[in-house]
C-alpha atoms as a PDB file:
ATOM      1  CA  MET A   1      -0.115   0.047  -0.263  1.00  0.00           C
ATOM      2  CA  GLY A   2       1.239   3.511  -0.781  1.00  0.00           C
ATOM      3  CA  LYS A   3       0.946   6.836   1.082  1.00  0.00           C
ATOM      4  CA  ILE A   4      -2.734   7.770   2.039  1.00  0.00           C
ATOM      5  CA  ILE A   5      -4.082  11.041   1.746  1.00  0.00           C
ATOM      6  CA  SER A   6      -7.186  11.181   3.994  1.00  0.00           C
ATOM      7  CA  HIS A   7     -10.510  13.030   2.822  1.00  0.00           C
ATOM      8  CA  ASP A   8      -9.742  15.675   5.303  1.00  0.00           C
ATOM      9  CA  ASP A   9      -6.416  16.358   4.896  1.00  0.00           C
ATOM     10  CA  LYS A  10      -5.361  19.928   5.043  1.00  0.00           C
ATOM     11  CA  ASN A  11      -3.432  20.002   1.879  1.00  0.00           C
ATOM     12  CA  ILE A  12      -6.531  19.089  -0.182  1.00  0.00           C
ATOM     13  CA  ILE A  13      -8.652  21.811  -1.796  1.00  0.00           C
ATOM     14  CA  TRP A  14     -12.154  21.579  -3.354  1.00  0.00           C
ATOM     15  CA  GLY A  15     -11.665  24.111  -5.984  1.00  0.00           C
ATOM     16  CA  GLY A  16     -15.604  25.317  -6.939  1.00  0.00           C
ATOM     17  CA  ALA A  17     -17.265  24.486  -3.882  1.00  0.00           C
ATOM     18  CA  VAL A  18     -17.925  26.922  -1.321  1.00  0.00           C
ATOM     19  CA  ASP A  19     -18.781  24.446   1.486  1.00  0.00           C
ATOM     20  CA  VAL A  20     -17.539  20.984   2.493  1.00  0.00           C
ATOM     21  CA  GLU A  21     -19.533  18.297   4.484  1.00  0.00           C
ATOM     22  CA  THR A  22     -17.641  15.728   6.854  1.00  0.00           C
ATOM     23  CA  GLY A  23     -19.556  12.445   7.027  1.00  0.00           C
ATOM     24  CA  GLU A  24     -18.104   9.424   8.841  1.00  0.00           C
ATOM     25  CA  GLY A  25     -14.700   8.765   7.025  1.00  0.00           C
ATOM     26  CA  TRP A  26     -15.646  10.963   4.004  1.00  0.00           C
ATOM     27  CA  SER A  27     -15.838  14.530   2.560  1.00  0.00           C
ATOM     28  CA  SER A  28     -17.987  16.094  -0.124  1.00  0.00           C
ATOM     29  CA  PRO A  29     -18.173  19.409  -1.733  1.00  0.00           C
ATOM     30  CA  TRP A  30     -21.031  21.886  -1.762  1.00  0.00           C
ATOM     31  CA  ARG A  31     -21.616  24.879  -4.010  1.00  0.00           C
ATOM     32  CA  LEU A  32     -23.592  26.512  -1.511  1.00  0.00           C
ATOM     33  CA  PRO A  33     -23.488  26.861   2.326  1.00  0.00           C
ATOM     34  CA  LYS A  34     -24.941  23.721   3.372  1.00  0.00           C
ATOM     35  CA  ALA A  35     -26.085  24.913   6.724  1.00  0.00           C
ATOM     36  CA  ASP A  36     -28.218  27.664   4.833  1.00  0.00           C
ATOM     37  CA  ILE A  37     -29.491  25.181   2.058  1.00  0.00           C
ATOM     38  CA  GLU A  38     -33.205  25.457   3.158  1.00  0.00           C
ATOM     39  CA  CYS A  39     -33.339  29.270   2.600  1.00  0.00           C
ATOM     40  CA  TYR A  40     -32.508  28.840  -1.142  1.00  0.00           C
ATOM     41  CA  GLN A  41     -35.779  26.710  -1.180  1.00  0.00           C
ATOM     42  CA  THR A  42     -35.510  23.969  -3.968  1.00  0.00           C
ATOM     43  CA  ILE A  43     -32.395  23.918  -5.294  1.00  0.00           C
ATOM     44  CA  GLY A  44     -31.535  21.127  -2.970  1.00  0.00           C
ATOM     45  CA  TRP A  45     -29.639  18.281  -4.515  1.00  0.00           C
ATOM     46  CA  ASN A  46     -28.388  20.692  -7.300  1.00  0.00           C
ATOM     47  CA  ALA A  47     -25.858  22.380  -4.763  1.00  0.00           C
ATOM     48  CA  GLU A  48     -24.456  18.871  -3.763  1.00  0.00           C
ATOM     49  CA  ALA A  49     -23.587  17.845  -7.549  1.00  0.00           C
ATOM     50  CA  SER A  50     -19.987  18.613  -8.248  1.00  0.00           C
ATOM     51  CA  SER A  51     -20.823  20.477 -11.483  1.00  0.00           C
ATOM     52  CA  SER A  52     -17.307  22.217 -12.435  1.00  0.00           C
ATOM     53  CA  VAL A  53     -15.605  21.122  -9.197  1.00  0.00           C
ATOM     54  CA  ARG A  54     -12.050  20.216  -8.859  1.00  0.00           C
ATOM     55  CA  LEU A  55     -10.315  18.150  -6.131  1.00  0.00           C
ATOM     56  CA  ARG A  56      -6.478  19.916  -5.934  1.00  0.00           C
ATOM     57  CA  ILE A  57      -3.533  18.605  -4.329  1.00  0.00           C
ATOM     58  CA  ALA A  58       0.094  19.163  -5.379  1.00  0.00           C
ATOM     59  CA  THR A  59       2.251  16.314  -5.118  1.00  0.00           C
ATOM     60  CA  ASP A  60       5.314  14.549  -6.622  1.00  0.00           C
ATOM     61  CA  SER A  61       3.494  10.849  -7.080  1.00  0.00           C
ATOM     62  CA  THR A  62       3.564   9.392 -10.280  1.00  0.00           C
ATOM     63  CA  THR A  63      -0.035   7.579  -9.222  1.00  0.00           C
ATOM     64  CA  ALA A  64      -3.020   8.842  -7.805  1.00  0.00           C
ATOM     65  CA  LYS A  65      -5.965   6.497  -6.901  1.00  0.00           C
ATOM     66  CA  TYR A  66      -8.864   8.331  -5.695  1.00  0.00           C
ATOM     67  CA  ILE A  67     -11.161   6.171  -3.245  1.00  0.00           C
ATOM     68  CA  THR A  68     -14.608   7.254  -2.805  1.00  0.00           C
ATOM     69  CA  GLU A  69     -17.911   6.563  -1.422  1.00  0.00           C
ATOM     70  CA  PRO A  70     -20.194   4.407  -4.896  1.00  0.00           C
ATOM     71  CA  ILE A  71     -21.061   7.369  -7.209  1.00  0.00           C
ATOM     72  CA  PRO A  72     -24.605   6.483  -8.304  1.00  0.00           C
ATOM     73  CA  ASN A  73     -24.864   7.662 -11.822  1.00  0.00           C
ATOM     74  CA  LYS A  74     -22.301   6.794 -14.666  1.00  0.00           C
ATOM     75  CA  HIS A  75     -20.144   9.924 -16.228  1.00  0.00           C
ATOM     76  CA  ALA A  76     -16.721  10.558 -16.831  1.00  0.00           C
ATOM     77  CA  VAL A  77     -13.642  12.342 -14.459  1.00  0.00           C
ATOM     78  CA  ASP A  78     -10.721  14.261 -16.003  1.00  0.00           C
ATOM     79  CA  LEU A  79      -7.337  14.475 -14.543  1.00  0.00           C
ATOM     80  CA  TYR A  80      -5.240  17.336 -15.024  1.00  0.00           C
ATOM     81  CA  ALA A  81      -1.443  17.857 -14.159  1.00  0.00           C
ATOM     82  CA  ASP A  82      -0.506  21.323 -14.265  1.00  0.00           C
ATOM     83  CA  HIS A  83      -3.292  21.781 -16.307  1.00  0.00           C
ATOM     84  CA  GLU A  84      -2.658  19.460 -19.141  1.00  0.00           C
ATOM     85  CA  LEU A  85      -5.047  16.792 -19.241  1.00  0.00           C
ATOM     86  CA  VAL A  86      -3.811  13.088 -18.095  1.00  0.00           C
ATOM     87  CA  GLU A  87      -6.893  10.906 -18.622  1.00  0.00           C
ATOM     88  CA  SER A  88     -10.483  11.347 -18.907  1.00  0.00           C
ATOM     89  CA  MET A  89     -12.021   8.338 -17.282  1.00  0.00           C
ATOM     90  CA  PRO A  90     -15.490   7.332 -17.614  1.00  0.00           C
ATOM     91  CA  PHE A  91     -17.077   5.550 -15.042  1.00  0.00           C
ATOM     92  CA  GLU A  92     -20.424   3.252 -14.614  1.00  0.00           C
ATOM     93  CA  GLU A  93     -23.053   3.278 -11.804  1.00  0.00           C
ATOM     94  CA  GLY A  94     -21.380   2.671  -8.295  1.00  0.00           C
ATOM     95  CA  ALA A  95     -17.559   3.087  -9.164  1.00  0.00           C
ATOM     96  CA  SER A  96     -16.063   3.930  -6.157  1.00  0.00           C
ATOM     97  CA  GLU A  97     -11.948   3.948  -7.690  1.00  0.00           C
ATOM     98  CA  PHE A  98     -10.378   5.766  -9.936  1.00  0.00           C
ATOM     99  CA  ILE A  99      -6.360   4.978 -10.419  1.00  0.00           C
ATOM    100  CA  PHE A 100      -4.358   6.918 -12.651  1.00  0.00           C
ATOM    101  CA  THR A 101      -0.774   5.886 -13.366  1.00  0.00           C
ATOM    102  CA  GLY A 102       1.982   7.460 -15.189  1.00  0.00           C
ATOM    103  CA  LEU A 103       1.768  10.826 -13.891  1.00  0.00           C
ATOM    104  CA  PRO A 104       4.561  13.485 -14.915  1.00  0.00           C
ATOM    105  CA  SER A 105       7.607  13.072 -12.693  1.00  0.00           C
ATOM    106  CA  GLY A 106       8.154  15.856 -10.065  1.00  0.00           C
ATOM    107  CA  MET A 107       6.300  18.252  -8.127  1.00  0.00           C
ATOM    108  CA  LYS A 108       2.711  19.001  -9.898  1.00  0.00           C
ATOM    109  CA  VAL A 109      -0.552  20.409  -9.135  1.00  0.00           C
ATOM    110  CA  LEU A 110      -3.292  17.607  -9.919  1.00  0.00           C
ATOM    111  CA  ASP A 111      -6.896  18.752 -10.183  1.00  0.00           C
ATOM    112  CA  LEU A 112      -9.545  15.701 -10.622  1.00  0.00           C
ATOM    113  CA  TRP A 113     -12.624  17.577 -12.430  1.00  0.00           C
ATOM    114  CA  LEU A 114     -15.671  15.783 -10.831  1.00  0.00           C
ATOM    115  CA  PRO A 115     -18.883  14.746 -12.367  1.00  0.00           C
ATOM    116  CA  PRO A 116     -21.503  17.237 -12.652  1.00  0.00           C
ATOM    117  CA  ASN A 117     -24.269  15.051 -12.118  1.00  0.00           C
ATOM    118  CA  ASN A 118     -23.357  13.428  -8.951  1.00  0.00           C
ATOM    119  CA  LYS A 119     -22.488  13.892  -5.189  1.00  0.00           C
ATOM    120  CA  PHE A 120     -19.123  13.260  -4.757  1.00  0.00           C
ATOM    121  CA  LYS A 121     -17.749  11.821  -1.652  1.00  0.00           C
ATOM    122  CA  LEU A 122     -13.735  11.509  -1.196  1.00  0.00           C
ATOM    123  CA  LYS A 123     -12.610   8.727   1.426  1.00  0.00           C
ATOM    124  CA  ALA A 124      -8.797   8.834   0.591  1.00  0.00           C
ATOM    125  CA  ILE A 125      -6.276   9.378  -2.032  1.00  0.00           C
ATOM    126  CA  GLU A 126      -3.465   7.018  -2.247  1.00  0.00           C
ATOM    127  CA  LEU A 127      -0.230   7.961  -3.675  1.00  0.00           C
ATOM    128  CA  ASP A 128       3.179   6.496  -4.123  1.00  0.00           C
ATOM    129  CA  ASP A 129       5.116   5.116  -0.927  1.00  0.00           C
ATOM    130  CA  GLY A 130       6.956   8.187   0.157  1.00  0.00           C
ATOM    131  CA  ALA A 131       5.133  10.845  -2.046  1.00  0.00           C
ATOM    132  CA  SER A 132       5.472  14.163  -0.882  1.00  0.00           C
ATOM    133  CA  VAL A 133       1.921  16.517  -0.715  1.00  0.00           C
ATOM    134  CA  GLU A 134       1.484  20.232  -0.539  1.00  0.00           C
ATOM    135  CA  LEU A 135      -1.072  22.917  -0.408  1.00  0.00           C
ATOM    136  CA  ALA A 136      -1.348  24.519  -4.149  1.00  0.00           C
ATOM    137  CA  GLU A 137      -3.774  27.241  -3.891  1.00  0.00           C
ATOM    138  CA  ASP A 138      -5.476  28.778  -6.948  1.00  0.00           C
ATOM    139  CA  LYS A 139      -4.476  32.173  -7.002  1.00  0.00           C
ATOM    140  CA  ARG A 140      -6.113  32.629 -10.468  1.00  0.00           C
ATOM    141  CA  PRO A 141      -8.687  35.522 -11.239  1.00  0.00           C
ATOM    142  CA  ARG A 142     -11.886  34.170  -9.943  1.00  0.00           C
ATOM    143  CA  TRP A 143     -14.944  33.642 -12.081  1.00  0.00           C
ATOM    144  CA  ILE A 144     -18.567  33.076 -10.629  1.00  0.00           C
ATOM    145  CA  THR A 145     -21.326  32.133 -13.066  1.00  0.00           C
ATOM    146  CA  TYR A 146     -24.891  31.942 -12.471  1.00  0.00           C
ATOM    147  CA  GLY A 147     -27.388  29.598 -14.662  1.00  0.00           C
ATOM    148  CA  SER A 148     -29.532  27.064 -15.162  1.00  0.00           C
ATOM    149  CA  SER A 149     -29.061  23.084 -16.070  1.00  0.00           C
ATOM    150  CA  ILE A 150     -27.558  24.573 -19.225  1.00  0.00           C
ATOM    151  CA  SER A 151     -24.866  26.087 -17.283  1.00  0.00           C
ATOM    152  CA  HIS A 152     -24.792  22.703 -14.638  1.00  0.00           C
ATOM    153  CA  CYS A 153     -24.191  20.682 -18.002  1.00  0.00           C
ATOM    154  CA  ASN A 154     -25.149  17.243 -16.847  1.00  0.00           C
ATOM    155  CA  ALA A 155     -25.205  15.905 -20.401  1.00  0.00           C
ATOM    156  CA  ALA A 156     -21.461  17.339 -20.736  1.00  0.00           C
ATOM    157  CA  GLY A 157     -19.019  14.729 -22.016  1.00  0.00           C
ATOM    158  CA  SER A 158     -16.866  14.788 -18.551  1.00  0.00           C
ATOM    159  CA  GLY A 159     -16.110  16.764 -15.650  1.00  0.00           C
ATOM    160  CA  ALA A 160     -13.893  19.028 -17.079  1.00  0.00           C
ATOM    161  CA  THR A 161     -16.142  19.528 -20.507  1.00  0.00           C
ATOM    162  CA  THR A 162     -19.151  21.425 -18.810  1.00  0.00           C
ATOM    163  CA  TRP A 163     -19.362  24.826 -20.935  1.00  0.00           C
ATOM    164  CA  PRO A 164     -17.854  26.958 -17.776  1.00  0.00           C
ATOM    165  CA  ALA A 165     -14.982  24.729 -17.340  1.00  0.00           C
ATOM    166  CA  ILE A 166     -13.710  24.814 -20.984  1.00  0.00           C
ATOM    167  CA  VAL A 167     -14.003  28.743 -20.723  1.00  0.00           C
ATOM    168  CA  ALA A 168     -12.254  28.770 -17.391  1.00  0.00           C
ATOM    169  CA  ARG A 169      -9.453  25.990 -18.577  1.00  0.00           C
ATOM    170  CA  GLU A 170      -8.931  28.222 -21.413  1.00  0.00           C
ATOM    171  CA  LYS A 171      -9.016  31.469 -20.126  1.00  0.00           C
ATOM    172  CA  GLY A 172      -7.154  30.635 -17.018  1.00  0.00           C
ATOM    173  CA  PHE A 173     -10.015  31.169 -14.275  1.00  0.00           C
ATOM    174  CA  ASN A 174     -10.709  29.856 -11.078  1.00  0.00           C
ATOM    175  CA  LEU A 175     -14.376  28.936 -11.529  1.00  0.00           C
ATOM    176  CA  THR A 176     -17.374  28.466  -8.976  1.00  0.00           C
ATOM    177  CA  SER A 177     -20.346  27.609 -11.174  1.00  0.00           C
ATOM    178  CA  PHE A 178     -23.773  28.265  -9.931  1.00  0.00           C
ATOM    179  CA  GLY A 179     -25.543  26.091 -12.277  1.00  0.00           C
ATOM    180  CA  PHE A 180     -28.130  24.576 -10.918  1.00  0.00           C
ATOM    181  CA  SER A 181     -30.814  22.304 -12.878  1.00  0.00           C
ATOM    182  CA  GLY A 182     -34.688  24.121 -13.019  1.00  0.00           C
ATOM    183  CA  GLU A 183     -33.098  26.464 -10.330  1.00  0.00           C
ATOM    184  CA  CYS A 184     -32.211  29.797 -11.906  1.00  0.00           C
ATOM    185  CA  HIS A 185     -35.021  32.421 -10.836  1.00  0.00           C
ATOM    186  CA  LEU A 186     -33.140  35.166 -10.046  1.00  0.00           C
ATOM    187  CA  ASP A 187     -33.650  34.402  -6.428  1.00  0.00           C
ATOM    188  CA  PRO A 188     -32.511  37.184  -3.888  1.00  0.00           C
ATOM    189  CA  MET A 189     -30.788  34.901  -1.899  1.00  0.00           C
ATOM    190  CA  MET A 190     -28.718  34.013  -4.677  1.00  0.00           C
ATOM    191  CA  ALA A 191     -27.930  37.529  -5.794  1.00  0.00           C
ATOM    192  CA  ARG A 192     -26.830  38.280  -2.220  1.00  0.00           C
ATOM    193  CA  TYR A 193     -24.674  35.340  -2.207  1.00  0.00           C
ATOM    194  CA  MET A 194     -22.787  36.128  -5.198  1.00  0.00           C
ATOM    195  CA  ARG A 195     -22.572  39.707  -3.762  1.00  0.00           C
ATOM    196  CA  ASP A 196     -20.757  38.365  -0.735  1.00  0.00           C
ATOM    197  CA  ILE A 197     -18.214  36.165  -2.352  1.00  0.00           C
ATOM    198  CA  GLU A 198     -14.682  37.212  -3.888  1.00  0.00           C
ATOM    199  CA  ALA A 199     -15.224  37.650  -7.764  1.00  0.00           C
ATOM    200  CA  ASP A 200     -12.950  39.087 -10.666  1.00  0.00           C
ATOM    201  CA  PHE A 201     -15.479  38.488 -13.168  1.00  0.00           C
ATOM    202  CA  ILE A 202     -19.200  37.584 -12.751  1.00  0.00           C
ATOM    203  CA  SER A 203     -21.703  36.349 -15.419  1.00  0.00           C
ATOM    204  CA  VAL A 204     -25.550  35.414 -15.081  1.00  0.00           C
ATOM    205  CA  LYS A 205     -27.312  33.530 -17.936  1.00  0.00           C
ATOM    206  CA  ALA A 206     -31.052  33.367 -16.788  1.00  0.00           C
ATOM    207  CA  GLY A 207     -34.641  33.284 -18.250  1.00  0.00           C
ATOM    208  CA  ILE A 208     -35.308  29.723 -19.345  1.00  0.00           C
ATOM    209  CA  ASN A 209     -35.956  28.427 -15.943  1.00  0.00           C
ATOM    210  CA  ILE A 210     -38.161  31.635 -15.325  1.00  0.00           C
ATOM    211  CA  GLN A 211     -40.445  30.793 -18.316  1.00  0.00           C
ATOM    212  CA  GLY A 212     -40.365  26.707 -17.683  1.00  0.00           C
ATOM    213  CA  ARG A 213     -41.718  27.085 -14.411  1.00  0.00           C
ATOM    214  CA  GLY A 214     -43.681  30.710 -14.637  1.00  0.00           C
ATOM    215  CA  SER A 215     -41.776  31.418 -11.552  1.00  0.00           C
ATOM    216  CA  ILE A 216     -41.736  35.402 -12.645  1.00  0.00           C
ATOM    217  CA  GLY A 217     -44.242  36.827 -14.528  1.00  0.00           C
ATOM    218  CA  GLU A 218     -44.349  39.643 -17.031  1.00  0.00           C
ATOM    219  CA  ARG A 219     -44.608  42.572 -13.979  1.00  0.00           C
ATOM    220  CA  GLY A 220     -42.053  41.072 -12.144  1.00  0.00           C
ATOM    221  CA  PHE A 221     -39.222  39.811 -14.843  1.00  0.00           C
ATOM    222  CA  LEU A 222     -37.921  42.987 -15.403  1.00  0.00           C
ATOM    223  CA  PRO A 223     -37.509  44.251 -11.526  1.00  0.00           C
ATOM    224  CA  ALA A 224     -35.611  40.725 -10.600  1.00  0.00           C
ATOM    225  CA  VAL A 225     -33.011  41.362 -13.724  1.00  0.00           C
ATOM    226  CA  ILE A 226     -32.553  44.920 -12.378  1.00  0.00           C
ATOM    227  CA  GLY A 227     -32.431  43.584  -8.397  1.00  0.00           C
ATOM    228  CA  THR A 228     -30.121  41.117  -9.256  1.00  0.00           C
ATOM    229  CA  ILE A 229     -27.635  43.312 -10.792  1.00  0.00           C
ATOM    230  CA  ALA A 230     -28.232  46.243  -8.249  1.00  0.00           C
ATOM    231  CA  THR A 231     -27.743  43.509  -5.295  1.00  0.00           C
ATOM    232  CA  ILE A 232     -24.481  41.765  -6.764  1.00  0.00           C
ATOM    233  CA  ARG A 233     -22.999  45.510  -7.471  1.00  0.00           C
ATOM    234  CA  GLU A 234     -23.304  46.194  -4.062  1.00  0.00           C
ATOM    235  CA  LYS A 235     -20.019  45.011  -3.113  1.00  0.00           C
ATOM    236  CA  HIS A 236     -18.740  44.347  -6.767  1.00  0.00           C
ATOM    237  CA  PRO A 237     -19.326  48.003  -8.381  1.00  0.00           C
ATOM    238  CA  GLU A 238     -16.538  47.880 -11.024  1.00  0.00           C
ATOM    239  CA  THR A 239     -15.943  43.916 -11.378  1.00  0.00           C
ATOM    240  CA  PRO A 240     -16.504  42.900 -15.322  1.00  0.00           C
ATOM    241  CA  PHE A 241     -20.361  41.777 -15.334  1.00  0.00           C
ATOM    242  CA  VAL A 242     -21.899  39.957 -18.218  1.00  0.00           C
ATOM    243  CA  PHE A 243     -25.813  38.974 -18.311  1.00  0.00           C
ATOM    244  CA  CYS A 244     -26.781  36.832 -20.958  1.00  0.00           C
ATOM    245  CA  SER A 245     -30.329  36.057 -22.017  1.00  0.00           C
ATOM    246  CA  PRO A 246     -31.518  32.401 -23.139  1.00  0.00           C
ATOM    247  CA  VAL A 247     -30.022  30.470 -25.527  1.00  0.00           C
ATOM    248  CA  PHE A 248     -32.111  29.159 -28.430  1.00  0.00           C
ATOM    249  CA  SER A 249     -35.009  26.463 -27.953  1.00  0.00           C
ATOM    250  CA  CYS A 250     -37.523  26.110 -30.827  1.00  0.00           C
ATOM    251  CA  ARG A 251     -40.725  25.523 -28.943  1.00  0.00           C
ATOM    252  CA  ARG A 252     -40.324  28.111 -26.586  1.00  0.00           C
ATOM    253  CA  GLU A 253     -39.293  31.101 -28.838  1.00  0.00           C
ATOM    254  CA  ASP A 254     -42.525  32.365 -29.684  1.00  0.00           C
ATOM    255  CA  HIS A 255     -44.933  30.436 -27.494  1.00  0.00           C
ATOM    256  CA  PRO A 256     -45.573  30.642 -23.847  1.00  0.00           C
ATOM    257  CA  THR A 257     -45.409  27.721 -21.997  1.00  0.00           C
ATOM    258  CA  ASP A 258     -48.290  25.920 -19.758  1.00  0.00           C
ATOM    259  CA  ASN A 259     -46.943  27.877 -16.734  1.00  0.00           C
ATOM    260  CA  SER A 260     -45.655  31.231 -18.126  1.00  0.00           C
ATOM    261  CA  PRO A 261     -47.233  33.611 -20.689  1.00  0.00           C
ATOM    262  CA  LEU A 262     -43.655  34.980 -21.753  1.00  0.00           C
ATOM    263  CA  THR A 263     -41.895  33.752 -24.768  1.00  0.00           C
ATOM    264  CA  LEU A 264     -38.115  33.479 -24.827  1.00  0.00           C
ATOM    265  CA  ILE A 265     -38.358  36.428 -27.581  1.00  0.00           C
ATOM    266  CA  GLN A 266     -40.147  38.745 -24.764  1.00  0.00           C
ATOM    267  CA  ILE A 267     -37.665  37.326 -21.864  1.00  0.00           C
ATOM    268  CA  ARG A 268     -34.406  38.502 -23.835  1.00  0.00           C
ATOM    269  CA  GLU A 269     -36.096  41.962 -24.488  1.00  0.00           C
ATOM    270  CA  PHE A 270     -36.618  42.258 -20.744  1.00  0.00           C
ATOM    271  CA  VAL A 271     -33.216  41.169 -19.899  1.00  0.00           C
ATOM    272  CA  LYS A 272     -31.377  43.502 -22.664  1.00  0.00           C
ATOM    273  CA  LYS A 273     -33.731  46.331 -21.199  1.00  0.00           C
ATOM    274  CA  GLY A 274     -32.428  45.713 -17.597  1.00  0.00           C
ATOM    275  CA  VAL A 275     -28.671  45.844 -18.360  1.00  0.00           C
ATOM    276  CA  GLU A 276     -29.143  49.090 -20.580  1.00  0.00           C
ATOM    277  CA  LEU A 277     -31.123  50.661 -17.915  1.00  0.00           C
ATOM    278  CA  MET A 278     -28.296  49.922 -15.256  1.00  0.00           C
ATOM    279  CA  GLN A 279     -26.014  50.997 -17.991  1.00  0.00           C
ATOM    280  CA  SER A 280     -27.476  54.182 -18.887  1.00  0.00           C
ATOM    281  CA  ARG A 281     -27.093  54.734 -14.901  1.00  0.00           C
ATOM    282  CA  GLY A 282     -23.037  54.529 -15.045  1.00  0.00           C
ATOM    283  CA  ASP A 283     -22.244  51.061 -14.827  1.00  0.00           C
ATOM    284  CA  LYS A 284     -19.430  50.927 -17.602  1.00  0.00           C
ATOM    285  CA  ASN A 285     -18.439  47.192 -16.620  1.00  0.00           C
ATOM    286  CA  LEU A 286     -21.952  45.751 -17.356  1.00  0.00           C
ATOM    287  CA  TYR A 287     -22.410  44.458 -20.642  1.00  0.00           C
ATOM    288  CA  TYR A 288     -25.343  42.152 -22.555  1.00  0.00           C
ATOM    289  CA  VAL A 289     -24.971  39.066 -24.263  1.00  0.00           C
ATOM    290  CA  ASP A 290     -27.913  37.930 -26.344  1.00  0.00           C
ATOM    291  CA  GLY A 291     -28.295  33.854 -25.699  1.00  0.00           C
ATOM    292  CA  LEU A 292     -28.734  33.578 -29.579  1.00  0.00           C
ATOM    293  CA  ASP A 293     -25.046  34.584 -30.131  1.00  0.00           C
ATOM    294  CA  ILE A 294     -24.107  31.677 -27.764  1.00  0.00           C
ATOM    295  CA  PHE A 295     -26.233  29.052 -29.036  1.00  0.00           C
ATOM    296  CA  SER A 296     -28.636  29.772 -32.336  1.00  0.00           C
ATOM    297  CA  SER A 297     -31.006  27.945 -34.318  1.00  0.00           C
ATOM    298  CA  ASP A 298     -27.996  27.261 -36.335  1.00  0.00           C
ATOM    299  CA  LEU A 299     -27.103  24.672 -33.665  1.00  0.00           C
ATOM    300  CA  ALA A 300     -30.563  23.040 -32.872  1.00  0.00           C
ATOM    301  CA  HIS A 301     -29.180  19.890 -34.075  1.00  0.00           C
ATOM    302  CA  LEU A 302     -27.508  19.767 -30.808  1.00  0.00           C
ATOM    303  CA  LEU A 303     -30.501  20.181 -28.646  1.00  0.00           C
ATOM    304  CA  PRO A 304     -31.658  16.336 -28.267  1.00  0.00           C
ATOM    305  CA  ASP A 305     -34.696  17.211 -26.508  1.00  0.00           C
ATOM    306  CA  ASP A 306     -34.907  21.151 -27.947  1.00  0.00           C
ATOM    307  CA  LEU A 307     -33.560  22.116 -24.555  1.00  0.00           C
ATOM    308  CA  HIS A 308     -30.290  20.895 -23.656  1.00  0.00           C
ATOM    309  CA  PRO A 309     -27.571  20.629 -25.564  1.00  0.00           C
ATOM    310  CA  ASN A 310     -25.666  17.601 -25.903  1.00  0.00           C
ATOM    311  CA  ALA A 311     -21.765  17.518 -25.356  1.00  0.00           C
ATOM    312  CA  GLU A 312     -20.598  18.791 -28.735  1.00  0.00           C
ATOM    313  CA  GLY A 313     -23.380  21.742 -28.005  1.00  0.00           C
ATOM    314  CA  TYR A 314     -21.586  22.761 -24.714  1.00  0.00           C
ATOM    315  CA  CYS A 315     -18.232  22.749 -26.398  1.00  0.00           C
ATOM    316  CA  LYS A 316     -19.704  25.038 -29.050  1.00  0.00           C
ATOM    317  CA  MET A 317     -21.250  27.480 -26.287  1.00  0.00           C
ATOM    318  CA  ALA A 318     -18.206  27.787 -24.591  1.00  0.00           C
ATOM    319  CA  GLU A 319     -16.488  28.821 -27.934  1.00  0.00           C
ATOM    320  CA  ASN A 320     -19.073  31.341 -28.562  1.00  0.00           C
ATOM    321  CA  PHE A 321     -19.186  32.619 -24.939  1.00  0.00           C
ATOM    322  CA  GLN A 322     -15.389  33.567 -25.549  1.00  0.00           C
ATOM    323  CA  THR A 323     -15.833  35.263 -28.858  1.00  0.00           C
ATOM    324  CA  GLN A 324     -18.854  37.225 -27.613  1.00  0.00           C
ATOM    325  CA  VAL A 325     -17.644  38.303 -23.923  1.00  0.00           C
ATOM    326  CA  PHE A 326     -13.665  38.299 -24.497  1.00  0.00           C
ATOM    327  CA  GLU A 327     -13.356  39.295 -28.404  1.00  0.00           C
ATOM    328  CA  LYS A 328     -16.416  41.231 -28.994  1.00  0.00           C
ATOM    329  CA  HIS A 329     -16.853  42.962 -25.853  1.00  0.00           C
ATOM    330  CA  GLY A 330     -12.938  43.047 -25.338  1.00  0.00           C
ATOM    331  CA  ILE A 331     -13.242  42.087 -21.631  1.00  0.00           C
ATOM    332  CA  LYS A 332     -10.063  41.963 -20.042  1.00  0.00           C
ATOM    333  CA  ILE A 333      -9.163  40.472 -16.621  1.00  0.00           C
ATOM    334  CA  PRO A 334      -5.899  40.937 -14.832  1.00  0.00           C
ATOM    335  CA  GLY A 335      -4.158  37.733 -14.786  1.00  0.00           C
ATOM    336  CA  MET A 336      -6.657  36.215 -17.569  1.00  0.00           C
ATOM    337  CA  LYS A 337      -4.804  34.487 -20.329  1.00  0.00           C
END
């Protein structure tokens, strides 16, 4: 047996998590504070699911075995060494060990990107006998993003290929993703939480869940957009902030749902107007991005259910987001690639 690193070792960092739950022999990341989860209403299991979360250590070991509680849903994890992909490892339901061999020699930072659709409970990491382990803080600029299942990305090809993860790796961000399936409703608690955490870049992509559940009507939508921006701006007054409207979804474009009288065309108009109102009041680092510029009708063949992109679709979203945000708008963040 090699060197065993306990789940609660002080040298382990849970990148992209804001809280860590410790159970009997395991630790698990949360993307919202666990003690306050009831205040976030029905977000529930979404905050436990490890979308865009990384398990990070620095070591000179040439092997790494991650030992977990059984994982309920099949998917894939990705191991990176100094930001270079070592291996993408698919797994079946019930997997509890992930063994990576032939790692680069010498000290390096290992980031294990966790599956977006699962709660991940680490029990231990087994390394080479006598291996060194160090804390490797992620000092890259911090990006926080908020969105729906289309940002949660359960259908991504692996842990590192959610669209926010792709953008973060290519641009050099320390990412925290608040992509919650079915749960992006511009809730005041989410705006308050995003206001209160460190950020060098902020993005929100909202509208599709609000239409799907009818959680905000025509009267309340614009105030919800303005209120979300204003709340976050209380402590991030000059941080580059991108607000995106919904991506393409054929059946919802000019038709209301059973729960909402709003079409996606109307919702995009509300989001754009809310951003413009705040811009007109002096916000020079606030930007509107039309969701159709991120995922248009030309990509409809990558929407298997007419709503959620498949793995290829998420890669296209990442590419288009970068074009619209960092090229078209020319947003630059110190320390970004």
